[in-house]
Amino acid sequence: MPMKKWLLIGLRLLGMLFVAHALMLLGADEISTLEAGGVRMIRSLEQILTLYGADPAAWQTNLPMPLASAVMLVLSWPGWAVLAVGGGLIAFIARPRE
C-alpha cells in the first residue's frame, strides 16, 4: 500500500508541474503577442519541443501512418493547452479518494 501512495503523490506532482508549465507558456505567448504589436503569437507544441532541443519530426518518421497523423495533429495544438489538459487529467486521475 505505501508504494501506491508514493506513486499517486508523484503523479499529482507531475500534474501540477504540467499545469504550472502550461501557465508559463501561456504567459510567454501573451508577452510575444504584446511584443508583436497585438498580432496573436501562439506557439504549437512542436515549436515548444523544438525550442527545448527535441525534434518531433524525427519521431514521426518511425511511426505508422495513422499514428503519425494523430501525433502531428496533437503537435499542432497550442503547447500550453496540451500541457494544461494533460496535467489536469493526470491530477484528476491521481486525486485522493475517500
Protein backbone atom coordinates (compact mmCIF):
# COMPACT_ATOMS: atom_id res chain seq x y z
CA MET A 1 0.00 0.00 0.00
CA PRO A 2 2.77 2.57 0.69
CA MET A 3 4.11 2.17 -2.86
CA LYS A 4 0.72 3.12 -4.30
CA LYS A 5 0.62 6.18 -2.04
CA TRP A 6 4.01 7.41 -3.28
CA LEU A 7 3.01 6.76 -6.90
CA LEU A 8 -0.13 8.86 -6.51
CA ILE A 9 1.84 11.65 -4.84
CA GLY A 10 4.34 11.58 -7.70
CA LEU A 11 1.56 11.68 -10.29
CA ARG A 12 -0.11 14.63 -8.54
CA LEU A 13 3.18 16.50 -8.51
CA LEU A 14 3.70 15.73 -12.20
CA GLY A 15 0.21 17.02 -12.99
CA MET A 16 0.87 20.23 -11.06
CA LEU A 17 4.20 20.63 -12.83
CA PHE A 18 2.48 20.29 -16.23
CA VAL A 19 -0.17 22.88 -15.29
CA ALA A 20 2.48 25.29 -13.96
CA HIS A 21 4.48 24.89 -17.16
CA ALA A 22 1.32 25.48 -19.22
CA LEU A 23 0.75 28.75 -17.35
CA MET A 24 4.33 29.82 -18.08
CA LEU A 25 3.87 29.04 -21.78
CA LEU A 26 0.59 30.96 -21.85
CA GLY A 27 2.33 33.95 -20.30
CA ALA A 28 5.17 33.70 -22.81
CA ASP A 29 2.67 33.66 -25.68
CA GLU A 30 0.97 36.75 -24.26
CA ILE A 31 4.31 38.56 -23.94
CA SER A 32 5.14 37.62 -27.55
CA THR A 33 1.74 38.94 -28.62
CA LEU A 34 2.40 42.27 -26.90
CA GLU A 35 5.87 42.49 -28.46
CA ALA A 36 4.41 41.79 -31.92
CA GLY A 37 2.07 44.77 -31.59
CA GLY A 38 -1.08 42.81 -30.87
CA VAL A 39 -0.65 40.11 -33.51
CA ARG A 40 -1.58 36.85 -31.78
CA MET A 41 1.50 34.67 -31.28
CA ILE A 42 0.66 31.16 -30.12
CA ARG A 43 3.41 28.55 -30.21
CA SER A 44 2.46 24.99 -31.06
CA LEU A 45 3.67 22.04 -29.05
CA GLU A 46 6.01 21.21 -31.94
CA GLN A 47 7.63 24.66 -31.70
CA ILE A 48 7.97 24.31 -27.91
CA LEU A 49 9.62 20.90 -28.22
CA THR A 50 11.96 22.26 -30.90
CA LEU A 51 12.95 25.11 -28.57
CA TYR A 52 13.79 22.50 -25.93
CA GLY A 53 16.02 20.63 -28.38
CA ALA A 54 13.70 17.69 -29.09
CA ASP A 55 12.91 17.26 -32.79
CA PRO A 56 9.36 15.86 -33.20
CA ALA A 57 9.85 15.35 -36.95
CA ALA A 58 12.38 12.61 -36.22
CA TRP A 59 9.84 10.80 -34.06
CA GLN A 60 7.20 10.93 -36.77
CA THR A 61 9.26 9.03 -39.35
CA ASN A 62 9.27 5.84 -37.24
CA LEU A 63 5.51 5.76 -36.56
CA PRO A 64 2.80 4.03 -38.60
CA MET A 65 0.89 6.47 -40.81
CA PRO A 66 -2.40 6.69 -38.78
CA LEU A 67 -0.48 7.19 -35.53
CA ALA A 68 1.90 9.68 -37.16
CA SER A 69 -1.00 11.81 -38.37
CA ALA A 70 -2.58 11.76 -34.89
CA VAL A 71 0.72 12.74 -33.29
CA MET A 72 1.19 15.58 -35.77
CA LEU A 73 -2.34 16.77 -35.02
CA VAL A 74 -1.56 16.97 -31.30
CA LEU A 75 1.79 18.64 -32.03
CA SER A 76 -0.01 21.37 -33.97
CA TRP A 77 -2.15 22.35 -30.96
CA PRO A 78 -1.02 25.19 -28.65
CA GLY A 79 1.69 23.94 -26.30
CA TRP A 80 0.07 25.47 -23.22
CA ALA A 81 -3.26 23.79 -23.98
CA VAL A 82 -1.75 20.32 -24.37
CA LEU A 83 0.17 20.61 -21.10
CA ALA A 84 -2.80 22.07 -19.20
CA VAL A 85 -5.18 19.33 -20.33
CA GLY A 86 -2.57 16.60 -19.76
CA GLY A 87 -1.68 17.93 -16.32
CA GLY A 88 -5.33 18.31 -15.38
CA LEU A 89 -6.09 14.73 -16.42
CA ILE A 90 -3.10 13.36 -14.51
CA ALA A 91 -4.06 15.33 -11.40
CA PHE A 92 -7.68 14.16 -11.71
CA ILE A 93 -6.68 10.50 -12.02
CA ALA A 94 -4.28 10.74 -9.05
CA ARG A 95 -6.64 12.70 -6.78
CA PRO A 96 -7.12 11.43 -3.24
CA ARG A 97 -10.12 9.13 -2.88
CA GLU A 98 -12.10 8.94 0.30
